[in-house]
């Protein structure tokens, strides 16, 4: 469900639906397993400037998940 614009869509038949907080959650999961770093980077870049124009632009969860996606720190463990 990856879109070349830099995000994961909610459903294949609804590519215009974009949820920043869920995309940030996917980003954290990908970082936790060390997968698709190029998509993580594109996703973070996309949502730095994307605005939905609804209440989610101001919702705390969107901003908390965004910071965690950019700086996952203790949320993930890298295994050697």
C-alpha atoms as a PDB file:
ATOM      1  CA  UNK A   1       0.000   0.000   0.000  1.00  0.00           C
ATOM      2  CA  UNK A   2       3.058   2.189  -0.399  1.00  0.00           C
ATOM      3  CA  UNK A   3       2.483   5.312  -2.484  1.00  0.00           C
ATOM      4  CA  UNK A   4       5.381   6.800  -4.406  1.00  0.00           C
ATOM      5  CA  UNK A   5       4.458  10.212  -2.966  1.00  0.00           C
ATOM      6  CA  UNK A   6       5.959   9.031   0.339  1.00  0.00           C
ATOM      7  CA  UNK A   7       3.232   7.491   2.474  1.00  0.00           C
ATOM      8  CA  UNK A   8       1.192   4.352   3.046  1.00  0.00           C
ATOM      9  CA  UNK A   9      -2.460   4.695   2.059  1.00  0.00           C
ATOM     10  CA  UNK A  10      -5.241   3.381   4.236  1.00  0.00           C
ATOM     11  CA  UNK A  11      -6.783   1.197   1.511  1.00  0.00           C
ATOM     12  CA  UNK A  12      -5.695   0.523  -2.058  1.00  0.00           C
ATOM     13  CA  UNK A  13      -8.944   1.928  -3.414  1.00  0.00           C
ATOM     14  CA  UNK A  14      -8.581   5.092  -1.281  1.00  0.00           C
ATOM     15  CA  UNK A  15      -5.083   6.385  -2.091  1.00  0.00           C
ATOM     16  CA  UNK A  16      -6.028   9.960  -1.211  1.00  0.00           C
ATOM     17  CA  UNK A  17      -6.700   9.071   2.461  1.00  0.00           C
ATOM     18  CA  UNK A  18      -3.588   9.910   4.478  1.00  0.00           C
ATOM     19  CA  UNK A  19      -3.259   9.465   8.246  1.00  0.00           C
ATOM     20  CA  UNK A  20      -0.024  10.871   9.624  1.00  0.00           C
ATOM     21  CA  UNK A  21      -0.225   9.157  13.015  1.00  0.00           C
ATOM     22  CA  UNK A  22      -0.704   5.673  11.548  1.00  0.00           C
ATOM     23  CA  UNK A  23       2.035   6.262   8.999  1.00  0.00           C
ATOM     24  CA  UNK A  24       4.346   7.306  11.806  1.00  0.00           C
ATOM     25  CA  UNK A  25       3.447   4.072  13.607  1.00  0.00           C
ATOM     26  CA  UNK A  26       4.406   2.084  10.504  1.00  0.00           C
ATOM     27  CA  UNK A  27       7.646   4.049  10.369  1.00  0.00           C
ATOM     28  CA  UNK A  28       8.509   3.100  13.953  1.00  0.00           C
ATOM     29  CA  UNK A  29       7.761  -0.547  13.199  1.00  0.00           C
ATOM     30  CA  UNK A  30       9.956  -0.499  10.109  1.00  0.00           C
ATOM     31  CA  UNK A  31      12.768   1.100  12.081  1.00  0.00           C
ATOM     32  CA  UNK A  32      12.409  -1.508  14.818  1.00  0.00           C
ATOM     33  CA  UNK A  33      13.109  -4.302  12.349  1.00  0.00           C
ATOM     34  CA  UNK A  34      15.595  -2.341  10.246  1.00  0.00           C
ATOM     35  CA  UNK A  35      13.456  -2.524   7.111  1.00  0.00           C
ATOM     36  CA  UNK A  36      12.894  -0.067   4.273  1.00  0.00           C
ATOM     37  CA  UNK A  37      14.933   2.876   5.587  1.00  0.00           C
ATOM     38  CA  UNK A  38      14.385   4.768   2.337  1.00  0.00           C
ATOM     39  CA  UNK A  39      10.620   4.614   2.851  1.00  0.00           C
ATOM     40  CA  UNK A  40      10.959   5.745   6.462  1.00  0.00           C
ATOM     41  CA  UNK A  41      12.912   8.771   5.268  1.00  0.00           C
ATOM     42  CA  UNK A  42      10.403   9.598   2.520  1.00  0.00           C
ATOM     43  CA  UNK A  43       7.467   9.127   4.889  1.00  0.00           C
ATOM     44  CA  UNK A  44       8.974  11.486   7.472  1.00  0.00           C
ATOM     45  CA  UNK A  45       9.715  14.064   4.763  1.00  0.00           C
ATOM     46  CA  UNK A  46       6.197  13.802   3.331  1.00  0.00           C
ATOM     47  CA  UNK A  47       4.415  14.381   6.636  1.00  0.00           C
ATOM     48  CA  UNK A  48       6.680  17.263   7.669  1.00  0.00           C
ATOM     49  CA  UNK A  49       4.798  19.469   5.226  1.00  0.00           C
ATOM     50  CA  UNK A  50       1.504  17.602   4.622  1.00  0.00           C
ATOM     51  CA  UNK A  51      -1.561  19.089   6.291  1.00  0.00           C
ATOM     52  CA  UNK A  52      -4.929  17.375   6.192  1.00  0.00           C
ATOM     53  CA  UNK A  53      -6.836  20.523   7.087  1.00  0.00           C
ATOM     54  CA  UNK A  54      -8.804  18.750   9.805  1.00  0.00           C
ATOM     55  CA  UNK A  55      -8.527  18.277  13.566  1.00  0.00           C
ATOM     56  CA  UNK A  56      -5.702  15.756  13.168  1.00  0.00           C
ATOM     57  CA  UNK A  57      -3.333  18.556  12.186  1.00  0.00           C
ATOM     58  CA  UNK A  58      -3.692  19.804  15.774  1.00  0.00           C
ATOM     59  CA  UNK A  59      -4.132  16.481  17.567  1.00  0.00           C
ATOM     60  CA  UNK A  60      -1.401  15.713  20.065  1.00  0.00           C
ATOM     61  CA  UNK A  61      -1.089  12.094  18.900  1.00  0.00           C
ATOM     62  CA  UNK A  62      -0.022  13.232  15.438  1.00  0.00           C
ATOM     63  CA  UNK A  63       2.834  15.305  16.855  1.00  0.00           C
ATOM     64  CA  UNK A  64       3.878  12.705  19.425  1.00  0.00           C
ATOM     65  CA  UNK A  65       3.997   9.970  16.808  1.00  0.00           C
ATOM     66  CA  UNK A  66       5.889  12.277  14.449  1.00  0.00           C
ATOM     67  CA  UNK A  67       8.618  12.977  16.988  1.00  0.00           C
ATOM     68  CA  UNK A  68       8.851   9.270  17.830  1.00  0.00           C
ATOM     69  CA  UNK A  69       9.191   8.441  14.150  1.00  0.00           C
ATOM     70  CA  UNK A  70      11.986  10.972  13.702  1.00  0.00           C
ATOM     71  CA  UNK A  71      13.682  10.057  16.985  1.00  0.00           C
ATOM     72  CA  UNK A  72      12.645   6.490  17.937  1.00  0.00           C
ATOM     73  CA  UNK A  73      15.297   6.144  20.645  1.00  0.00           C
ATOM     74  CA  UNK A  74      14.218   3.702  23.346  1.00  0.00           C
ATOM     75  CA  UNK A  75      11.135   2.638  21.367  1.00  0.00           C
ATOM     76  CA  UNK A  76      13.274   0.355  19.258  1.00  0.00           C
ATOM     77  CA  UNK A  77      16.148  -2.002  19.964  1.00  0.00           C
ATOM     78  CA  UNK A  78      18.716  -2.754  17.327  1.00  0.00           C
ATOM     79  CA  UNK A  79      19.961  -6.289  17.603  1.00  0.00           C
ATOM     80  CA  UNK A  80      23.427  -7.209  16.526  1.00  0.00           C
END
